[in-house]
Amino acid sequence: MDDKHQKQLLEEIDKRFGEQFTKLFKYFDDKIGALDAKIDTTADGERTYKSLDAIMDKLGDDETERAALTAQVDRHEDFVREAAPKLRISYGD
């Protein structure tokens, strides 16, 4: 895989991730807006905020997983960069 192809692949991954993240953010934003409109009593408000906390926890988990995946891709790239000369493959450096 040459450097140009790898950059294109990473750009496509970034683009798709960005699109999915935007969709997810809009979905949660819409849900939160709908929940805000429903808050009538203290009990409903408390239940709503517990739900929002659960959503925020899930987003935090997703962010952690994304960081782990990024680290994994970096390790793979380092491996390919190190293995390329041994395999007599040009690797964009």
Protein backbone atom coordinates (compact mmCIF):
# COMPACT_ATOMS: atom_id res chain seq x y z
CA MET A 1 0.00 0.00 0.00
CA ASP A 2 1.62 3.24 -1.05
CA ASP A 3 1.51 6.43 0.98
CA LYS A 4 -1.01 8.09 -1.35
CA HIS A 5 -3.38 5.14 -1.13
CA GLN A 6 -2.98 5.01 2.65
CA LYS A 7 -3.73 8.73 2.96
CA GLN A 8 -6.81 8.32 0.76
CA LEU A 9 -7.95 5.40 2.88
CA LEU A 10 -7.43 7.32 6.12
CA GLU A 11 -9.22 10.35 4.67
CA GLU A 12 -12.16 8.14 3.67
CA ILE A 13 -12.24 6.60 7.16
CA ASP A 14 -12.13 10.08 8.73
CA LYS A 15 -14.89 11.28 6.40
CA ARG A 16 -17.15 8.32 7.16
CA PHE A 17 -16.46 8.59 10.88
CA GLY A 18 -17.27 12.29 10.76
CA GLU A 19 -20.52 11.61 8.95
CA GLN A 20 -21.53 8.93 11.45
CA PHE A 21 -20.55 11.11 14.41
CA THR A 22 -22.58 14.00 12.98
CA LYS A 23 -25.60 11.74 12.57
CA LEU A 24 -25.20 10.42 16.11
CA PHE A 25 -24.79 13.92 17.52
CA LYS A 26 -27.90 15.14 15.67
CA TYR A 27 -29.87 12.11 16.86
CA PHE A 28 -28.93 12.75 20.49
CA ASP A 29 -29.50 16.48 20.10
CA ASP A 30 -32.99 15.79 18.74
CA LYS A 31 -33.70 13.34 21.55
CA ILE A 32 -32.49 15.77 24.20
CA GLY A 33 -34.63 18.52 22.66
CA ALA A 34 -37.66 16.24 22.78
CA LEU A 35 -36.91 15.30 26.37
CA ASP A 36 -36.56 18.93 27.39
CA ALA A 37 -40.00 19.60 25.97
CA LYS A 38 -41.45 16.79 28.10
CA ILE A 39 -40.06 17.90 31.47
CA ASP A 40 -43.14 18.79 33.52
CA THR A 41 -42.47 17.57 37.04
CA THR A 42 -39.46 17.11 39.27
CA ALA A 43 -39.76 13.34 38.90
CA ASP A 44 -39.76 13.63 35.11
CA GLY A 45 -36.80 16.00 35.28
CA GLU A 46 -34.82 13.64 37.50
CA ARG A 47 -35.58 10.69 35.24
CA THR A 48 -34.60 12.75 32.20
CA TYR A 49 -31.29 13.82 33.69
CA LYS A 50 -30.49 10.22 34.61
CA SER A 51 -31.14 9.31 30.97
CA LEU A 52 -28.92 12.16 29.81
CA ASP A 53 -26.16 10.97 32.15
CA ALA A 54 -26.45 7.49 30.65
CA ILE A 55 -26.16 8.98 27.15
CA MET A 56 -23.10 10.98 28.15
CA ASP A 57 -21.52 7.83 29.62
CA LYS A 58 -22.14 6.03 26.34
CA LEU A 59 -20.57 8.90 24.39
CA GLY A 60 -17.56 8.73 26.72
CA ASP A 61 -17.28 4.99 26.09
CA ASP A 62 -17.45 5.62 22.35
CA GLU A 63 -14.71 8.24 22.61
CA THR A 64 -12.50 5.81 24.54
CA GLU A 65 -13.10 3.11 21.94
CA ARG A 66 -12.27 5.57 19.15
CA ALA A 67 -8.99 6.43 20.87
CA ALA A 68 -8.16 2.73 21.19
CA LEU A 69 -8.89 2.17 17.50
CA THR A 70 -6.71 5.12 16.55
CA ALA A 71 -3.87 3.69 18.62
CA GLN A 72 -4.34 0.32 16.95
CA VAL A 73 -4.20 1.87 13.48
CA ASP A 74 -1.03 3.73 14.50
CA ARG A 75 0.55 0.44 15.66
CA HIS A 76 -0.40 -1.22 12.39
CA GLU A 77 1.08 1.64 10.42
CA ASP A 78 4.31 1.44 12.45
CA PHE A 79 4.47 -2.30 11.78
CA VAL A 80 3.95 -1.84 8.03
CA ARG A 81 6.55 0.93 7.96
CA GLU A 82 9.04 -1.34 9.77
CA ALA A 83 8.24 -4.46 7.73
CA ALA A 84 8.25 -2.79 4.30
CA PRO A 85 12.04 -2.63 3.86
CA LYS A 86 12.42 -6.23 5.02
CA LEU A 87 9.88 -7.26 2.39
CA ARG A 88 11.54 -4.99 -0.16
CA ILE A 89 8.37 -2.93 -0.51
CA SER A 90 8.46 0.83 -0.95
CA TYR A 91 6.40 2.51 1.75
CA GLY A 92 6.07 6.22 0.97
CA ASP A 93 8.85 7.58 3.19
